[in-house]
C-alpha atoms as a PDB file:
ATOM      1  CA  MET A   1      90.512 -64.061  23.201  1.00  0.00           C
ATOM      2  CA  SER A   2      86.869 -65.017  23.753  1.00  0.00           C
ATOM      3  CA  LEU A   3      85.977 -61.318  23.376  1.00  0.00           C
ATOM      4  CA  TYR A   4      87.795 -61.302  20.038  1.00  0.00           C
ATOM      5  CA  LEU A   5      85.850 -64.402  18.987  1.00  0.00           C
ATOM      6  CA  ALA A   6      82.562 -62.699  19.892  1.00  0.00           C
ATOM      7  CA  PHE A   7      83.581 -59.636  17.877  1.00  0.00           C
ATOM      8  CA  PHE A   8      84.588 -61.864  14.960  1.00  0.00           C
ATOM      9  CA  GLU A   9      81.216 -63.654  15.050  1.00  0.00           C
ATOM     10  CA  LEU A  10      79.393 -60.313  15.027  1.00  0.00           C
ATOM     11  CA  ARG A  11      81.571 -58.841  12.281  1.00  0.00           C
ATOM     12  CA  ARG A  12      80.977 -61.768   9.920  1.00  0.00           C
ATOM     13  CA  ARG A  13      77.234 -61.051  10.125  1.00  0.00           C
ATOM     14  CA  TRP A  14      77.382 -57.315   9.416  1.00  0.00           C
ATOM     15  CA  VAL A  15      75.800 -57.709   5.945  1.00  0.00           C
ATOM     16  CA  LEU A  16      72.907 -59.669   7.436  1.00  0.00           C
ATOM     17  CA  LEU A  17      72.589 -57.096  10.209  1.00  0.00           C
ATOM     18  CA  LEU A  18      72.463 -54.220   7.736  1.00  0.00           C
ATOM     19  CA  GLY A  19      69.968 -56.078   5.551  1.00  0.00           C
ATOM     20  CA  ALA A  20      67.704 -56.813   8.528  1.00  0.00           C
ATOM     21  CA  ILE A  21      67.723 -53.179   9.666  1.00  0.00           C
ATOM     22  CA  VAL A  22      67.031 -51.865   6.153  1.00  0.00           C
ATOM     23  CA  GLY A  23      64.248 -54.394   5.571  1.00  0.00           C
ATOM     24  CA  LEU A  24      62.596 -53.599   8.891  1.00  0.00           C
ATOM     25  CA  GLY A  25      63.003 -49.885   8.173  1.00  0.00           C
ATOM     26  CA  VAL A  26      61.087 -50.260   4.905  1.00  0.00           C
ATOM     27  CA  LEU A  27      58.257 -52.169   6.609  1.00  0.00           C
ATOM     28  CA  LEU A  28      58.163 -49.635   9.426  1.00  0.00           C
ATOM     29  CA  GLY A  29      58.058 -46.755   6.934  1.00  0.00           C
ATOM     30  CA  LEU A  30      55.117 -48.345   5.112  1.00  0.00           C
ATOM     31  CA  THR A  31      53.301 -48.779   8.413  1.00  0.00           C
ATOM     32  CA  VAL A  32      53.764 -45.150   9.453  1.00  0.00           C
ATOM     33  CA  TRP A  33      52.903 -43.940   5.938  1.00  0.00           C
ATOM     34  CA  SER A  34      49.680 -45.977   5.898  1.00  0.00           C
ATOM     35  CA  TRP A  35      48.710 -44.471   9.274  1.00  0.00           C
ATOM     36  CA  THR A  36      48.686 -41.001   7.717  1.00  0.00           C
ATOM     37  CA  PHE A  37      45.625 -42.060   5.686  1.00  0.00           C
ATOM     38  CA  PHE A  38      43.682 -43.063   8.792  1.00  0.00           C
ATOM     39  CA  GLU A  39      44.905 -40.504  11.312  1.00  0.00           C
ATOM     40  CA  ASP A  40      41.959 -38.171  10.634  1.00  0.00           C
ATOM     41  CA  ARG A  41      39.488 -40.983   9.821  1.00  0.00           C
ATOM     42  CA  LEU A  42      39.578 -43.201  12.876  1.00  0.00           C
ATOM     43  CA  SER A  43      35.916 -44.180  12.461  1.00  0.00           C
ATOM     44  CA  GLU A  44      36.777 -45.855   9.145  1.00  0.00           C
ATOM     45  CA  LEU A  45      39.712 -47.607  10.775  1.00  0.00           C
ATOM     46  CA  GLU A  46      37.472 -48.845  13.595  1.00  0.00           C
ATOM     47  CA  GLN A  47      35.125 -50.339  11.012  1.00  0.00           C
ATOM     48  CA  LEU A  48      38.048 -52.148   9.416  1.00  0.00           C
ATOM     49  CA  PHE A  49      39.131 -53.580  12.762  1.00  0.00           C
ATOM     50  CA  GLN A  50      35.553 -54.628  13.544  1.00  0.00           C
ATOM     51  CA  ALA A  51      35.499 -56.577  10.288  1.00  0.00           C
ATOM     52  CA  VAL A  52      38.611 -58.533  11.265  1.00  0.00           C
ATOM     53  CA  PRO A  53      37.829 -61.876  12.965  1.00  0.00           C
ATOM     54  CA  GLU A  54      38.681 -61.959  16.665  1.00  0.00           C
ATOM     55  CA  ASP A  55      41.206 -64.784  16.204  1.00  0.00           C
ATOM     56  CA  ALA A  56      43.025 -62.726  13.575  1.00  0.00           C
ATOM     57  CA  LEU A  57      43.184 -59.775  15.962  1.00  0.00           C
ATOM     58  CA  LYS A  58      44.663 -62.017  18.621  1.00  0.00           C
ATOM     59  CA  LEU A  59      47.161 -63.393  16.118  1.00  0.00           C
ATOM     60  CA  PHE A  60      48.607 -59.969  15.376  1.00  0.00           C
ATOM     61  CA  MET A  61      47.965 -58.245  18.712  1.00  0.00           C
ATOM     62  CA  LYS A  62      48.158 -60.939  21.394  1.00  0.00           C
ATOM     63  CA  GLY A  63      45.274 -59.259  23.185  1.00  0.00           C
ATOM     64  CA  GLY A  64      42.071 -57.326  22.713  1.00  0.00           C
ATOM     65  CA  ILE A  65      41.896 -53.782  21.365  1.00  0.00           C
ATOM     66  CA  THR A  66      40.391 -51.423  23.929  1.00  0.00           C
ATOM     67  CA  THR A  67      41.372 -48.175  22.224  1.00  0.00           C
ATOM     68  CA  LEU A  68      42.453 -47.122  18.769  1.00  0.00           C
ATOM     69  CA  ASN A  69      45.454 -44.886  18.215  1.00  0.00           C
ATOM     70  CA  PHE A  70      48.836 -44.954  16.506  1.00  0.00           C
ATOM     71  CA  ASP A  71      50.352 -47.263  19.135  1.00  0.00           C
ATOM     72  CA  VAL A  72      47.677 -49.920  18.645  1.00  0.00           C
ATOM     73  CA  TYR A  73      47.844 -49.569  14.859  1.00  0.00           C
ATOM     74  CA  TYR A  74      51.628 -49.932  15.014  1.00  0.00           C
ATOM     75  CA  LEU A  75      51.487 -53.079  17.152  1.00  0.00           C
ATOM     76  CA  PHE A  76      48.817 -54.685  14.975  1.00  0.00           C
ATOM     77  CA  ASN A  77      50.363 -53.938  11.581  1.00  0.00           C
ATOM     78  CA  PHE A  78      54.049 -54.166  12.289  1.00  0.00           C
ATOM     79  CA  HIS A  79      55.447 -54.999  15.672  1.00  0.00           C
ATOM     80  CA  VAL A  80      53.963 -58.046  17.372  1.00  0.00           C
ATOM     81  CA  PHE A  81      53.949 -60.684  14.624  1.00  0.00           C
ATOM     82  CA  THR A  82      57.133 -59.379  12.980  1.00  0.00           C
ATOM     83  CA  TYR A  83      59.290 -59.079  16.076  1.00  0.00           C
ATOM     84  CA  VAL A  84      57.902 -61.911  18.191  1.00  0.00           C
ATOM     85  CA  ALA A  85      57.004 -64.655  15.720  1.00  0.00           C
ATOM     86  CA  VAL A  86      59.144 -63.966  12.636  1.00  0.00           C
ATOM     87  CA  LEU A  87      62.316 -62.546  14.191  1.00  0.00           C
ATOM     88  CA  GLY A  88      61.930 -64.815  17.220  1.00  0.00           C
ATOM     89  CA  ALA A  89      61.988 -67.849  14.920  1.00  0.00           C
ATOM     90  CA  LEU A  90      64.939 -66.392  12.997  1.00  0.00           C
ATOM     91  CA  PHE A  91      67.024 -65.867  16.142  1.00  0.00           C
ATOM     92  CA  ALA A  92      66.239 -69.369  17.417  1.00  0.00           C
ATOM     93  CA  TYR A  93      67.420 -70.688  14.058  1.00  0.00           C
ATOM     94  CA  MET A  94      70.580 -68.570  14.244  1.00  0.00           C
ATOM     95  CA  GLY A  95      71.215 -69.944  17.733  1.00  0.00           C
ATOM     96  CA  SER A  96      71.137 -73.544  16.489  1.00  0.00           C
ATOM     97  CA  ASN A  97      72.911 -72.751  13.231  1.00  0.00           C
ATOM     98  CA  THR A  98      75.878 -71.208  14.996  1.00  0.00           C
ATOM     99  CA  ILE A  99      76.831 -74.817  15.798  1.00  0.00           C
ATOM    100  CA  ILE A 100      75.131 -76.835  13.071  1.00  0.00           C
ATOM    101  CA  GLY A 101      76.100 -74.456  10.267  1.00  0.00           C
ATOM    102  CA  GLU A 102      79.786 -74.678  11.116  1.00  0.00           C
ATOM    103  CA  LEU A 103      79.540 -78.452  11.427  1.00  0.00           C
ATOM    104  CA  GLN A 104      78.072 -78.663   7.927  1.00  0.00           C
ATOM    105  CA  SER A 105      80.633 -76.301   6.459  1.00  0.00           C
ATOM    106  CA  ARG A 106      83.417 -78.105   8.355  1.00  0.00           C
ATOM    107  CA  THR A 107      84.689 -74.882   9.917  1.00  0.00           C
ATOM    108  CA  LEU A 108      83.899 -75.702  13.544  1.00  0.00           C
ATOM    109  CA  TRP A 109      87.415 -76.987  14.002  1.00  0.00           C
ATOM    110  CA  ILE A 110      88.732 -73.415  13.764  1.00  0.00           C
ATOM    111  CA  PRO A 111      87.254 -72.092  17.054  1.00  0.00           C
ATOM    112  CA  LEU A 112      87.464 -75.499  18.743  1.00  0.00           C
ATOM    113  CA  SER A 113      91.180 -75.788  17.972  1.00  0.00           C
ATOM    114  CA  SER A 114      91.862 -72.611  19.940  1.00  0.00           C
ATOM    115  CA  PRO A 115      93.103 -72.786  23.574  1.00  0.00           C
ATOM    116  CA  LEU A 116      89.625 -71.739  24.729  1.00  0.00           C
ATOM    117  CA  PRO A 117      87.437 -74.395  26.367  1.00  0.00           C
ATOM    118  CA  ARG A 118      84.293 -75.267  24.447  1.00  0.00           C
ATOM    119  CA  TRP A 119      81.984 -73.480  26.850  1.00  0.00           C
ATOM    120  CA  ARG A 120      83.801 -70.195  26.244  1.00  0.00           C
ATOM    121  CA  VAL A 121      83.576 -70.688  22.490  1.00  0.00           C
ATOM    122  CA  LEU A 122      79.831 -71.178  22.822  1.00  0.00           C
ATOM    123  CA  ALA A 123      79.577 -68.210  25.204  1.00  0.00           C
ATOM    124  CA  ALA A 124      81.315 -65.986  22.638  1.00  0.00           C
ATOM    125  CA  LYS A 125      78.882 -67.115  19.928  1.00  0.00           C
ATOM    126  CA  TYR A 126      75.950 -66.503  22.259  1.00  0.00           C
ATOM    127  CA  ALA A 127      77.210 -63.017  23.124  1.00  0.00           C
ATOM    128  CA  ALA A 128      77.594 -62.183  19.429  1.00  0.00           C
ATOM    129  CA  LEU A 129      74.061 -63.336  18.603  1.00  0.00           C
ATOM    130  CA  LEU A 130      72.654 -61.461  21.574  1.00  0.00           C
ATOM    131  CA  ALA A 131      74.445 -58.301  20.416  1.00  0.00           C
ATOM    132  CA  PHE A 132      73.129 -58.885  16.889  1.00  0.00           C
ATOM    133  CA  SER A 133      69.515 -59.267  18.024  1.00  0.00           C
ATOM    134  CA  SER A 134      69.822 -56.291  20.377  1.00  0.00           C
ATOM    135  CA  LEU A 135      71.117 -54.056  17.587  1.00  0.00           C
ATOM    136  CA  VAL A 136      68.228 -55.098  15.352  1.00  0.00           C
ATOM    137  CA  SER A 137      65.748 -54.400  18.121  1.00  0.00           C
ATOM    138  CA  LEU A 138      67.146 -51.124  19.409  1.00  0.00           C
ATOM    139  CA  SER A 139      67.635 -49.631  15.948  1.00  0.00           C
ATOM    140  CA  THR A 140      63.859 -49.654  15.482  1.00  0.00           C
ATOM    141  CA  PRO A 141      62.915 -46.774  17.842  1.00  0.00           C
ATOM    142  CA  ALA A 142      65.483 -44.586  16.088  1.00  0.00           C
ATOM    143  CA  MET A 143      64.049 -45.506  12.678  1.00  0.00           C
ATOM    144  CA  LEU A 144      60.532 -44.891  13.983  1.00  0.00           C
ATOM    145  CA  TYR A 145      61.461 -41.437  15.263  1.00  0.00           C
ATOM    146  CA  LEU A 146      63.034 -40.427  11.945  1.00  0.00           C
ATOM    147  CA  THR A 147      60.199 -41.898   9.868  1.00  0.00           C
ATOM    148  CA  ALA A 148      57.455 -40.295  11.981  1.00  0.00           C
ATOM    149  CA  LYS A 149      59.217 -36.928  11.817  1.00  0.00           C
ATOM    150  CA  LEU A 150      59.623 -37.211   8.044  1.00  0.00           C
ATOM    151  CA  LEU A 151      55.968 -38.149   7.460  1.00  0.00           C
ATOM    152  CA  GLY A 152      54.548 -35.678   9.941  1.00  0.00           C
ATOM    153  CA  VAL A 153      53.202 -38.191  12.455  1.00  0.00           C
ATOM    154  CA  GLY A 154      53.286 -36.641  15.910  1.00  0.00           C
ATOM    155  CA  LEU A 155      54.990 -38.725  18.574  1.00  0.00           C
ATOM    156  CA  SER A 156      55.515 -37.202  22.000  1.00  0.00           C
ATOM    157  CA  ARG A 157      58.702 -37.647  24.007  1.00  0.00           C
ATOM    158  CA  ASP A 158      56.820 -39.871  26.478  1.00  0.00           C
ATOM    159  CA  GLN A 159      55.623 -42.068  23.600  1.00  0.00           C
ATOM    160  CA  LEU A 160      59.161 -42.469  22.307  1.00  0.00           C
ATOM    161  CA  VAL A 161      60.349 -43.440  25.793  1.00  0.00           C
ATOM    162  CA  TRP A 162      57.773 -46.249  25.872  1.00  0.00           C
ATOM    163  CA  TYR A 163      58.824 -47.390  22.399  1.00  0.00           C
ATOM    164  CA  VAL A 164      62.387 -47.677  23.672  1.00  0.00           C
ATOM    165  CA  LYS A 165      61.114 -49.718  26.635  1.00  0.00           C
ATOM    166  CA  LEU A 166      59.111 -51.885  24.209  1.00  0.00           C
ATOM    167  CA  TYR A 167      62.247 -52.822  22.300  1.00  0.00           C
ATOM    168  CA  LEU A 168      64.439 -53.135  25.369  1.00  0.00           C
ATOM    169  CA  ALA A 169      61.973 -55.711  26.691  1.00  0.00           C
ATOM    170  CA  LEU A 170      62.520 -57.764  23.531  1.00  0.00           C
ATOM    171  CA  ILE A 171      66.135 -58.476  24.471  1.00  0.00           C
ATOM    172  CA  PRO A 172      65.321 -61.016  27.248  1.00  0.00           C
ATOM    173  CA  LEU A 173      62.929 -62.790  24.853  1.00  0.00           C
ATOM    174  CA  TYR A 174      65.576 -63.038  22.144  1.00  0.00           C
ATOM    175  CA  ALA A 175      68.137 -64.181  24.716  1.00  0.00           C
ATOM    176  CA  ALA A 176      65.800 -67.032  25.681  1.00  0.00           C
ATOM    177  CA  LEU A 177      65.086 -68.045  22.080  1.00  0.00           C
ATOM    178  CA  ILE A 178      68.764 -67.996  21.075  1.00  0.00           C
ATOM    179  CA  ALA A 179      69.598 -70.130  24.123  1.00  0.00           C
ATOM    180  CA  LEU A 180      66.822 -72.557  23.164  1.00  0.00           C
ATOM    181  CA  GLY A 181      68.250 -72.884  19.653  1.00  0.00           C
ATOM    182  CA  MET A 182      71.733 -73.533  21.020  1.00  0.00           C
ATOM    183  CA  LEU A 183      70.420 -76.156  23.430  1.00  0.00           C
ATOM    184  CA  LEU A 184      68.702 -78.035  20.595  1.00  0.00           C
ATOM    185  CA  ALA A 185      71.902 -77.909  18.564  1.00  0.00           C
ATOM    186  CA  ALA A 186      73.991 -79.138  21.503  1.00  0.00           C
ATOM    187  CA  VAL A 187      71.589 -82.037  22.091  1.00  0.00           C
ATOM    188  CA  LEU A 188      70.932 -83.129  18.499  1.00  0.00           C
ATOM    189  CA  ILE A 189      74.166 -82.143  16.679  1.00  0.00           C
ATOM    190  CA  SER A 190      72.287 -82.449  13.371  1.00  0.00           C
ATOM    191  CA  ARG A 191      70.355 -80.358  10.849  1.00  0.00           C
ATOM    192  CA  THR A 192      67.178 -81.369  12.645  1.00  0.00           C
ATOM    193  CA  ALA A 193      67.952 -78.671  15.220  1.00  0.00           C
ATOM    194  CA  ASN A 194      67.853 -75.991  12.515  1.00  0.00           C
ATOM    195  CA  VAL A 195      64.354 -77.060  11.543  1.00  0.00           C
ATOM    196  CA  LEU A 196      63.126 -77.715  15.045  1.00  0.00           C
ATOM    197  CA  ALA A 197      64.265 -74.438  16.646  1.00  0.00           C
ATOM    198  CA  PRO A 198      62.208 -71.993  14.502  1.00  0.00           C
ATOM    199  CA  SER A 199      59.322 -74.461  14.310  1.00  0.00           C
ATOM    200  CA  ILE A 200      59.073 -74.571  18.104  1.00  0.00           C
ATOM    201  CA  VAL A 201      59.025 -70.758  18.289  1.00  0.00           C
ATOM    202  CA  ILE A 202      56.246 -70.481  15.687  1.00  0.00           C
ATOM    203  CA  ALA A 203      54.299 -73.234  17.462  1.00  0.00           C
ATOM    204  CA  MET A 204      54.724 -71.491  20.825  1.00  0.00           C
ATOM    205  CA  TYR A 205      53.475 -68.227  19.334  1.00  0.00           C
ATOM    206  CA  PHE A 206      50.316 -69.822  17.917  1.00  0.00           C
ATOM    207  CA  ILE A 207      49.679 -71.770  21.119  1.00  0.00           C
ATOM    208  CA  ASP A 208      50.101 -68.535  23.054  1.00  0.00           C
ATOM    209  CA  VAL A 209      47.653 -66.453  21.003  1.00  0.00           C
ATOM    210  CA  LEU A 210      45.070 -69.166  20.411  1.00  0.00           C
ATOM    211  CA  THR A 211      44.780 -70.141  24.081  1.00  0.00           C
ATOM    212  CA  MET A 212      44.458 -66.584  25.391  1.00  0.00           C
ATOM    213  CA  GLU A 213      41.148 -65.929  27.152  1.00  0.00           C
ATOM    214  CA  THR A 214      40.098 -69.579  26.794  1.00  0.00           C
ATOM    215  CA  ARG A 215      39.640 -72.437  29.250  1.00  0.00           C
ATOM    216  CA  VAL A 216      43.063 -73.795  28.331  1.00  0.00           C
ATOM    217  CA  GLU A 217      44.886 -70.491  28.741  1.00  0.00           C
ATOM    218  CA  TRP A 218      47.231 -72.205  31.190  1.00  0.00           C
ATOM    219  CA  VAL A 219      48.707 -74.163  28.265  1.00  0.00           C
ATOM    220  CA  GLY A 220      50.049 -70.901  26.855  1.00  0.00           C
ATOM    221  CA  ARG A 221      52.186 -70.391  29.945  1.00  0.00           C
ATOM    222  CA  ALA A 222      54.580 -72.974  28.519  1.00  0.00           C
ATOM    223  CA  SER A 223      55.226 -70.613  25.612  1.00  0.00           C
ATOM    224  CA  LEU A 224      58.128 -68.184  25.900  1.00  0.00           C
ATOM    225  CA  THR A 225      56.241 -65.614  23.840  1.00  0.00           C
ATOM    226  CA  ARG A 226      53.624 -65.389  26.600  1.00  0.00           C
ATOM    227  CA  TYR A 227      56.176 -63.516  28.710  1.00  0.00           C
ATOM    228  CA  TYR A 228      56.503 -60.627  26.273  1.00  0.00           C
ATOM    229  CA  ASP A 229      53.376 -58.477  26.380  1.00  0.00           C
ATOM    230  CA  ALA A 230      53.772 -55.615  23.906  1.00  0.00           C
ATOM    231  CA  LEU A 231      50.211 -54.391  24.496  1.00  0.00           C
ATOM    232  CA  LYS A 232      50.818 -54.015  28.226  1.00  0.00           C
ATOM    233  CA  ILE A 233      54.059 -52.127  27.684  1.00  0.00           C
ATOM    234  CA  LEU A 234      53.075 -49.716  24.923  1.00  0.00           C
ATOM    235  CA  VAL A 235      49.361 -49.163  25.544  1.00  0.00           C
ATOM    236  CA  LYS A 236      48.942 -49.775  29.274  1.00  0.00           C
ATOM    237  CA  HIS A 237      52.403 -48.363  30.125  1.00  0.00           C
ATOM    238  CA  GLN A 238      53.315 -51.258  32.395  1.00  0.00           C
ATOM    239  CA  VAL A 239      56.651 -53.060  32.286  1.00  0.00           C
ATOM    240  CA  PRO A 240      56.075 -56.748  33.223  1.00  0.00           C
ATOM    241  CA  LEU A 241      59.212 -57.174  35.314  1.00  0.00           C
ATOM    242  CA  THR A 242      58.167 -60.603  36.615  1.00  0.00           C
ATOM    243  CA  ASP A 243      57.714 -61.981  33.097  1.00  0.00           C
ATOM    244  CA  LEU A 244      61.013 -60.506  31.920  1.00  0.00           C
ATOM    245  CA  THR A 245      62.769 -61.989  34.952  1.00  0.00           C
ATOM    246  CA  ILE A 246      61.377 -65.405  34.017  1.00  0.00           C
ATOM    247  CA  LEU A 247      62.861 -65.019  30.518  1.00  0.00           C
ATOM    248  CA  VAL A 248      66.254 -64.029  31.941  1.00  0.00           C
ATOM    249  CA  LEU A 249      66.299 -67.007  34.320  1.00  0.00           C
ATOM    250  CA  PHE A 250      65.208 -69.347  31.522  1.00  0.00           C
ATOM    251  CA  SER A 251      68.033 -68.045  29.332  1.00  0.00           C
ATOM    252  CA  ALA A 252      70.621 -68.533  32.053  1.00  0.00           C
ATOM    253  CA  VAL A 253      69.546 -72.088  32.885  1.00  0.00           C
ATOM    254  CA  VAL A 254      69.081 -73.270  29.302  1.00  0.00           C
ATOM    255  CA  PHE A 255      72.338 -71.763  28.099  1.00  0.00           C
ATOM    256  CA  ALA A 256      74.221 -73.270  31.048  1.00  0.00           C
ATOM    257  CA  VAL A 257      72.834 -76.698  30.104  1.00  0.00           C
ATOM    258  CA  ALA A 258      73.729 -76.085  26.440  1.00  0.00           C
ATOM    259  CA  MET A 259      77.331 -75.232  27.385  1.00  0.00           C
ATOM    260  CA  GLU A 260      77.648 -78.330  29.540  1.00  0.00           C
ATOM    261  CA  LEU A 261      76.227 -80.648  26.874  1.00  0.00           C
ATOM    262  CA  PHE A 262      78.286 -79.091  24.092  1.00  0.00           C
ATOM    263  CA  SER A 263      81.429 -79.504  26.190  1.00  0.00           C
ATOM    264  CA  ARG A 264      80.701 -83.208  26.605  1.00  0.00           C
ATOM    265  CA  GLN A 265      79.549 -83.986  23.047  1.00  0.00           C
ATOM    266  CA  ASP A 266      81.754 -86.054  20.778  1.00  0.00           C
ATOM    267  CA  VAL A 267      81.737 -83.664  17.834  1.00  0.00           C
ATOM    268  CA  ALA A 268      83.344 -84.594  14.522  1.00  0.00           C
ATOM    269  CA  ILE A 269      84.927 -81.309  13.442  1.00  0.00           C
ATOM    270  CA  GLY A 270      87.085 -82.467  10.575  1.00  0.00           C
END
């Protein structure tokens, strides 16, 4: 029955899922299309990057640019800020809203009145959100392949493999952010969680990028976004297994705490 609940939670979001994929596809298409203007004029593109303040480069790249090619252009213009900051904040919000939203709409009584214990209800919602975020993430390499082929941008098979790895590595990050949102909702049981969850993600992202290569870089280690290094994966061709393991362990611990607290909370569901 919990599997059915997870499927139900995913099915009720299919319009949002389709809208997210289409919207990201449009942005991705514009990014690839704009690259076609610079592909044969990299010197002009280098001048543009040199004119960008270093802090702005860090904001959109989370690291310094050592080379200039399609991968770097893609990360700077489309991937890092969109998938880490914007979608990360969205999924944290969805994690909290899966509880708070149903409390506000007075529909939480429906799953809680089932024979399932509360922790299994929350686990089904978590599984649905994780599937949702994974589908959004993993649809991107397919859209990139089709868009690049359509616009005549050459991507080798090895490049595409690393793009798949780039988006696979996003799944542990989203798992951690969804769990964080659910924990806040389980603790606060109020609309404050819906505001706090995305705000914390955005704050973590800015703390992460602004403390990189500074004397207080250690502060950024408290940010979950620090443990997803797109530049290392796509440009340096290194999968940071230690960082991804930290995200998985964080997700497991935080979600376990969220389930325990939610099971014990006195929730008014009527």
